[in-house]
């Protein structure tokens, strides 16, 4: 069977890069940011910015809990909140671009863990199991957030929502616990 042109299936198969080899005994988990979730979040940020700017232009005052703000103070508040939303939008868009830059892996090998430094997954670090100072697992709604801190202050941050296959989160936690407690490979 022939190909489908230079942009078809045959060309895509020829361009696929080989999967990087893992060290012996390493287990890898795909934590590449999901572009659809990030795109939805980006639209929500843009919507928030537009609403905040519409409130700022409206020219009315604002009462924050028990603090009344006049029209000028309310405008300053709304513009500040819009800037905060824009800063968050920049972070989301960085993650969105990163989601197309190749896969991001959380790797547990015999001696260390390698993973993203932020939940958006733009940079990775490697922390030896012997250098782990603190492991914090928090739950919020249906998600769990894991922060692994090394003695030198470097952190690996990952959430259950980062895992492309949600069913692998419990096995990741179990394997991490085993390796942190001297289970090795």
C-alpha atoms as a PDB file:
ATOM      1  CA  UNK A   1       0.000   0.000   0.000  1.00  0.00           C
ATOM      2  CA  UNK A   2       1.400   3.392  -0.975  1.00  0.00           C
ATOM      3  CA  UNK A   3       1.851   6.441   1.208  1.00  0.00           C
ATOM      4  CA  UNK A   4      -0.439   9.430   1.417  1.00  0.00           C
ATOM      5  CA  UNK A   5       1.991  12.023   0.098  1.00  0.00           C
ATOM      6  CA  UNK A   6       4.770  13.862   1.883  1.00  0.00           C
ATOM      7  CA  UNK A   7       2.461  14.788   4.780  1.00  0.00           C
ATOM      8  CA  UNK A   8       0.800  11.400   4.989  1.00  0.00           C
ATOM      9  CA  UNK A   9       1.121   8.369   7.174  1.00  0.00           C
ATOM     10  CA  UNK A  10       4.346   7.064   5.584  1.00  0.00           C
ATOM     11  CA  UNK A  11       6.125  10.393   6.147  1.00  0.00           C
ATOM     12  CA  UNK A  12       4.922  10.576   9.742  1.00  0.00           C
ATOM     13  CA  UNK A  13       6.229   7.079  10.452  1.00  0.00           C
ATOM     14  CA  UNK A  14       9.604   7.971   8.932  1.00  0.00           C
ATOM     15  CA  UNK A  15       9.861  11.112  11.105  1.00  0.00           C
ATOM     16  CA  UNK A  16       9.066   9.402  14.410  1.00  0.00           C
ATOM     17  CA  UNK A  17      12.000   9.670  16.742  1.00  0.00           C
ATOM     18  CA  UNK A  18      13.044   6.640  18.739  1.00  0.00           C
ATOM     19  CA  UNK A  19      11.907   6.650  22.346  1.00  0.00           C
ATOM     20  CA  UNK A  20      14.797   7.671  24.621  1.00  0.00           C
ATOM     21  CA  UNK A  21      16.256   4.714  26.459  1.00  0.00           C
ATOM     22  CA  UNK A  22      15.596   4.530  30.167  1.00  0.00           C
ATOM     23  CA  UNK A  23      18.276   3.484  32.622  1.00  0.00           C
ATOM     24  CA  UNK A  24      18.050  -0.130  33.740  1.00  0.00           C
ATOM     25  CA  UNK A  25      15.262  -0.600  36.271  1.00  0.00           C
ATOM     26  CA  UNK A  26      13.699   2.793  35.482  1.00  0.00           C
ATOM     27  CA  UNK A  27       9.978   3.315  35.262  1.00  0.00           C
ATOM     28  CA  UNK A  28       8.644   6.256  33.261  1.00  0.00           C
ATOM     29  CA  UNK A  29       5.279   7.972  33.500  1.00  0.00           C
ATOM     30  CA  UNK A  30       3.995  10.375  30.845  1.00  0.00           C
ATOM     31  CA  UNK A  31       3.222  13.776  32.437  1.00  0.00           C
ATOM     32  CA  UNK A  32       3.142  15.841  29.246  1.00  0.00           C
ATOM     33  CA  UNK A  33       0.688  18.752  29.672  1.00  0.00           C
ATOM     34  CA  UNK A  34      -2.662  18.121  28.014  1.00  0.00           C
ATOM     35  CA  UNK A  35      -3.096  20.820  25.331  1.00  0.00           C
ATOM     36  CA  UNK A  36      -6.921  20.694  25.440  1.00  0.00           C
ATOM     37  CA  UNK A  37      -7.035  21.381  29.182  1.00  0.00           C
ATOM     38  CA  UNK A  38      -4.549  24.213  28.771  1.00  0.00           C
ATOM     39  CA  UNK A  39      -6.456  25.710  25.852  1.00  0.00           C
ATOM     40  CA  UNK A  40      -9.674  25.664  27.878  1.00  0.00           C
ATOM     41  CA  UNK A  41      -7.852  27.331  30.783  1.00  0.00           C
ATOM     42  CA  UNK A  42      -6.439  29.967  28.418  1.00  0.00           C
ATOM     43  CA  UNK A  43      -9.941  30.812  27.155  1.00  0.00           C
ATOM     44  CA  UNK A  44     -11.161  31.071  30.760  1.00  0.00           C
ATOM     45  CA  UNK A  45      -8.293  33.482  31.550  1.00  0.00           C
ATOM     46  CA  UNK A  46      -9.093  35.647  28.532  1.00  0.00           C
ATOM     47  CA  UNK A  47     -12.755  35.690  29.552  1.00  0.00           C
ATOM     48  CA  UNK A  48     -11.818  36.775  33.106  1.00  0.00           C
ATOM     49  CA  UNK A  49      -9.579  39.550  31.773  1.00  0.00           C
ATOM     50  CA  UNK A  50     -12.369  40.846  29.530  1.00  0.00           C
ATOM     51  CA  UNK A  51     -14.910  40.829  32.363  1.00  0.00           C
ATOM     52  CA  UNK A  52     -12.501  42.590  34.741  1.00  0.00           C
ATOM     53  CA  UNK A  53     -11.700  45.242  32.152  1.00  0.00           C
ATOM     54  CA  UNK A  54     -15.419  45.731  31.472  1.00  0.00           C
ATOM     55  CA  UNK A  55     -15.968  46.316  35.199  1.00  0.00           C
ATOM     56  CA  UNK A  56     -13.039  48.763  35.250  1.00  0.00           C
ATOM     57  CA  UNK A  57     -14.532  50.781  32.376  1.00  0.00           C
ATOM     58  CA  UNK A  58     -17.988  50.798  33.955  1.00  0.00           C
ATOM     59  CA  UNK A  59     -16.929  53.375  36.558  1.00  0.00           C
ATOM     60  CA  UNK A  60     -18.838  52.158  39.607  1.00  0.00           C
ATOM     61  CA  UNK A  61     -17.467  51.643  43.077  1.00  0.00           C
ATOM     62  CA  UNK A  62     -16.855  48.308  44.763  1.00  0.00           C
ATOM     63  CA  UNK A  63     -17.314  46.939  48.259  1.00  0.00           C
ATOM     64  CA  UNK A  64     -14.747  44.304  49.251  1.00  0.00           C
ATOM     65  CA  UNK A  65     -16.154  42.495  52.288  1.00  0.00           C
ATOM     66  CA  UNK A  66     -16.570  45.658  54.436  1.00  0.00           C
ATOM     67  CA  UNK A  67     -14.144  47.991  52.632  1.00  0.00           C
ATOM     68  CA  UNK A  68     -15.890  50.427  50.282  1.00  0.00           C
ATOM     69  CA  UNK A  69     -13.867  51.496  47.243  1.00  0.00           C
ATOM     70  CA  UNK A  70     -14.685  54.535  45.149  1.00  0.00           C
ATOM     71  CA  UNK A  71     -14.804  54.409  41.331  1.00  0.00           C
ATOM     72  CA  UNK A  72     -11.067  55.168  40.909  1.00  0.00           C
ATOM     73  CA  UNK A  73      -9.948  52.634  43.534  1.00  0.00           C
ATOM     74  CA  UNK A  74     -12.303  50.046  42.012  1.00  0.00           C
ATOM     75  CA  UNK A  75     -10.786  50.653  38.567  1.00  0.00           C
ATOM     76  CA  UNK A  76      -7.290  50.175  39.979  1.00  0.00           C
ATOM     77  CA  UNK A  77      -8.419  46.948  41.669  1.00  0.00           C
ATOM     78  CA  UNK A  78     -10.018  45.584  38.488  1.00  0.00           C
ATOM     79  CA  UNK A  79      -6.994  46.464  36.345  1.00  0.00           C
ATOM     80  CA  UNK A  80      -4.689  44.821  38.899  1.00  0.00           C
ATOM     81  CA  UNK A  81      -6.802  41.653  38.864  1.00  0.00           C
ATOM     82  CA  UNK A  82      -6.797  41.699  35.049  1.00  0.00           C
ATOM     83  CA  UNK A  83      -2.983  41.883  35.100  1.00  0.00           C
ATOM     84  CA  UNK A  84      -2.852  38.923  37.483  1.00  0.00           C
ATOM     85  CA  UNK A  85      -5.083  36.966  35.091  1.00  0.00           C
ATOM     86  CA  UNK A  86      -2.837  37.959  32.171  1.00  0.00           C
ATOM     87  CA  UNK A  87       0.239  36.728  34.064  1.00  0.00           C
ATOM     88  CA  UNK A  88      -1.506  33.416  34.670  1.00  0.00           C
ATOM     89  CA  UNK A  89      -2.470  33.310  30.989  1.00  0.00           C
ATOM     90  CA  UNK A  90       1.213  33.648  30.039  1.00  0.00           C
ATOM     91  CA  UNK A  91       2.050  30.632  32.243  1.00  0.00           C
ATOM     92  CA  UNK A  92      -0.785  28.617  30.723  1.00  0.00           C
ATOM     93  CA  UNK A  93       0.348  29.462  27.198  1.00  0.00           C
ATOM     94  CA  UNK A  94       3.912  28.400  28.050  1.00  0.00           C
ATOM     95  CA  UNK A  95       2.523  25.040  29.127  1.00  0.00           C
ATOM     96  CA  UNK A  96       0.392  24.876  25.977  1.00  0.00           C
ATOM     97  CA  UNK A  97       3.437  25.433  23.759  1.00  0.00           C
ATOM     98  CA  UNK A  98       5.417  22.905  25.841  1.00  0.00           C
ATOM     99  CA  UNK A  99       2.725  20.282  25.305  1.00  0.00           C
ATOM    100  CA  UNK A 100       3.689  20.206  21.614  1.00  0.00           C
ATOM    101  CA  UNK A 101       7.440  20.112  22.253  1.00  0.00           C
ATOM    102  CA  UNK A 102       7.702  16.406  22.929  1.00  0.00           C
ATOM    103  CA  UNK A 103       6.773  14.183  25.785  1.00  0.00           C
ATOM    104  CA  UNK A 104       7.634  14.983  29.384  1.00  0.00           C
ATOM    105  CA  UNK A 105       8.414  12.053  31.638  1.00  0.00           C
ATOM    106  CA  UNK A 106       8.391  11.430  35.363  1.00  0.00           C
ATOM    107  CA  UNK A 107      11.171   8.860  35.777  1.00  0.00           C
ATOM    108  CA  UNK A 108      11.925   6.649  38.755  1.00  0.00           C
ATOM    109  CA  UNK A 109      15.278   4.905  38.354  1.00  0.00           C
ATOM    110  CA  UNK A 110      17.344   2.925  40.864  1.00  0.00           C
ATOM    111  CA  UNK A 111      18.874   5.976  42.512  1.00  0.00           C
ATOM    112  CA  UNK A 112      16.768   9.057  41.773  1.00  0.00           C
ATOM    113  CA  UNK A 113      13.546  10.612  40.577  1.00  0.00           C
ATOM    114  CA  UNK A 114      13.386  12.992  37.624  1.00  0.00           C
ATOM    115  CA  UNK A 115      10.369  15.194  37.070  1.00  0.00           C
ATOM    116  CA  UNK A 116       8.972  18.663  36.394  1.00  0.00           C
ATOM    117  CA  UNK A 117       9.701  21.587  38.708  1.00  0.00           C
ATOM    118  CA  UNK A 118       6.232  23.063  38.130  1.00  0.00           C
ATOM    119  CA  UNK A 119       2.812  21.597  37.525  1.00  0.00           C
ATOM    120  CA  UNK A 120       2.905  23.072  34.006  1.00  0.00           C
ATOM    121  CA  UNK A 121       6.002  20.977  33.353  1.00  0.00           C
ATOM    122  CA  UNK A 122       8.410  23.308  31.560  1.00  0.00           C
ATOM    123  CA  UNK A 123      11.667  22.275  33.271  1.00  0.00           C
ATOM    124  CA  UNK A 124      12.807  19.026  34.914  1.00  0.00           C
ATOM    125  CA  UNK A 125      15.210  18.218  37.753  1.00  0.00           C
ATOM    126  CA  UNK A 126      16.696  15.039  39.135  1.00  0.00           C
ATOM    127  CA  UNK A 127      16.739  14.378  42.872  1.00  0.00           C
ATOM    128  CA  UNK A 128      18.505  11.355  44.358  1.00  0.00           C
ATOM    129  CA  UNK A 129      16.351   9.288  46.700  1.00  0.00           C
ATOM    130  CA  UNK A 130      19.002   9.714  49.404  1.00  0.00           C
ATOM    131  CA  UNK A 131      18.747  13.518  48.998  1.00  0.00           C
ATOM    132  CA  UNK A 132      14.959  13.721  49.403  1.00  0.00           C
ATOM    133  CA  UNK A 133      14.211  15.962  52.367  1.00  0.00           C
ATOM    134  CA  UNK A 134      10.409  16.087  52.269  1.00  0.00           C
ATOM    135  CA  UNK A 135       7.517  14.501  50.383  1.00  0.00           C
ATOM    136  CA  UNK A 136       4.177  16.287  50.639  1.00  0.00           C
ATOM    137  CA  UNK A 137       0.946  14.879  49.228  1.00  0.00           C
ATOM    138  CA  UNK A 138      -2.130  17.126  49.300  1.00  0.00           C
ATOM    139  CA  UNK A 139      -5.646  16.485  48.087  1.00  0.00           C
ATOM    140  CA  UNK A 140      -7.987  19.082  46.660  1.00  0.00           C
ATOM    141  CA  UNK A 141     -11.306  18.076  45.141  1.00  0.00           C
ATOM    142  CA  UNK A 142     -10.556  15.118  42.873  1.00  0.00           C
ATOM    143  CA  UNK A 143      -6.872  15.926  42.354  1.00  0.00           C
ATOM    144  CA  UNK A 144      -3.821  15.082  44.417  1.00  0.00           C
ATOM    145  CA  UNK A 145      -0.681  17.223  44.415  1.00  0.00           C
ATOM    146  CA  UNK A 146       2.773  15.832  45.166  1.00  0.00           C
ATOM    147  CA  UNK A 147       5.782  18.010  46.034  1.00  0.00           C
ATOM    148  CA  UNK A 148       9.163  16.317  46.493  1.00  0.00           C
ATOM    149  CA  UNK A 149      11.823  18.556  48.021  1.00  0.00           C
ATOM    150  CA  UNK A 150      15.537  17.780  47.933  1.00  0.00           C
ATOM    151  CA  UNK A 151      18.078  18.825  50.563  1.00  0.00           C
ATOM    152  CA  UNK A 152      19.357  21.529  48.213  1.00  0.00           C
ATOM    153  CA  UNK A 153      15.866  23.076  47.933  1.00  0.00           C
ATOM    154  CA  UNK A 154      15.073  21.836  44.429  1.00  0.00           C
ATOM    155  CA  UNK A 155      11.495  20.643  44.021  1.00  0.00           C
ATOM    156  CA  UNK A 156       9.588  18.276  41.795  1.00  0.00           C
ATOM    157  CA  UNK A 157       5.899  19.132  41.530  1.00  0.00           C
ATOM    158  CA  UNK A 158       3.338  16.885  39.916  1.00  0.00           C
ATOM    159  CA  UNK A 159      -0.382  16.363  40.231  1.00  0.00           C
ATOM    160  CA  UNK A 160      -2.602  13.431  39.439  1.00  0.00           C
ATOM    161  CA  UNK A 161      -4.085  15.566  36.654  1.00  0.00           C
ATOM    162  CA  UNK A 162      -0.653  15.702  34.958  1.00  0.00           C
ATOM    163  CA  UNK A 163      -0.693  11.983  34.237  1.00  0.00           C
ATOM    164  CA  UNK A 164      -1.909  11.227  30.728  1.00  0.00           C
ATOM    165  CA  UNK A 165      -3.239   7.903  32.017  1.00  0.00           C
ATOM    166  CA  UNK A 166      -4.996   8.582  35.317  1.00  0.00           C
ATOM    167  CA  UNK A 167      -4.907   4.915  36.318  1.00  0.00           C
ATOM    168  CA  UNK A 168      -1.093   5.089  36.576  1.00  0.00           C
ATOM    169  CA  UNK A 169      -1.127   7.671  39.410  1.00  0.00           C
ATOM    170  CA  UNK A 170      -1.662   5.083  42.213  1.00  0.00           C
ATOM    171  CA  UNK A 171       1.047   2.807  40.821  1.00  0.00           C
ATOM    172  CA  UNK A 172       3.405   5.807  40.609  1.00  0.00           C
ATOM    173  CA  UNK A 173       2.777   6.675  44.274  1.00  0.00           C
ATOM    174  CA  UNK A 174       3.240   3.055  45.312  1.00  0.00           C
ATOM    175  CA  UNK A 175       6.506   2.714  43.362  1.00  0.00           C
ATOM    176  CA  UNK A 176       7.789   6.060  44.682  1.00  0.00           C
ATOM    177  CA  UNK A 177       7.053   4.958  48.244  1.00  0.00           C
ATOM    178  CA  UNK A 178       8.823   1.647  47.664  1.00  0.00           C
ATOM    179  CA  UNK A 179      11.929   3.312  46.231  1.00  0.00           C
ATOM    180  CA  UNK A 180      12.069   6.041  48.863  1.00  0.00           C
ATOM    181  CA  UNK A 181      11.947   3.384  51.583  1.00  0.00           C
ATOM    182  CA  UNK A 182      14.931   1.515  50.155  1.00  0.00           C
ATOM    183  CA  UNK A 183      13.123  -0.852  47.790  1.00  0.00           C
ATOM    184  CA  UNK A 184      15.515  -0.110  44.896  1.00  0.00           C
ATOM    185  CA  UNK A 185      14.691  -1.664  41.537  1.00  0.00           C
END
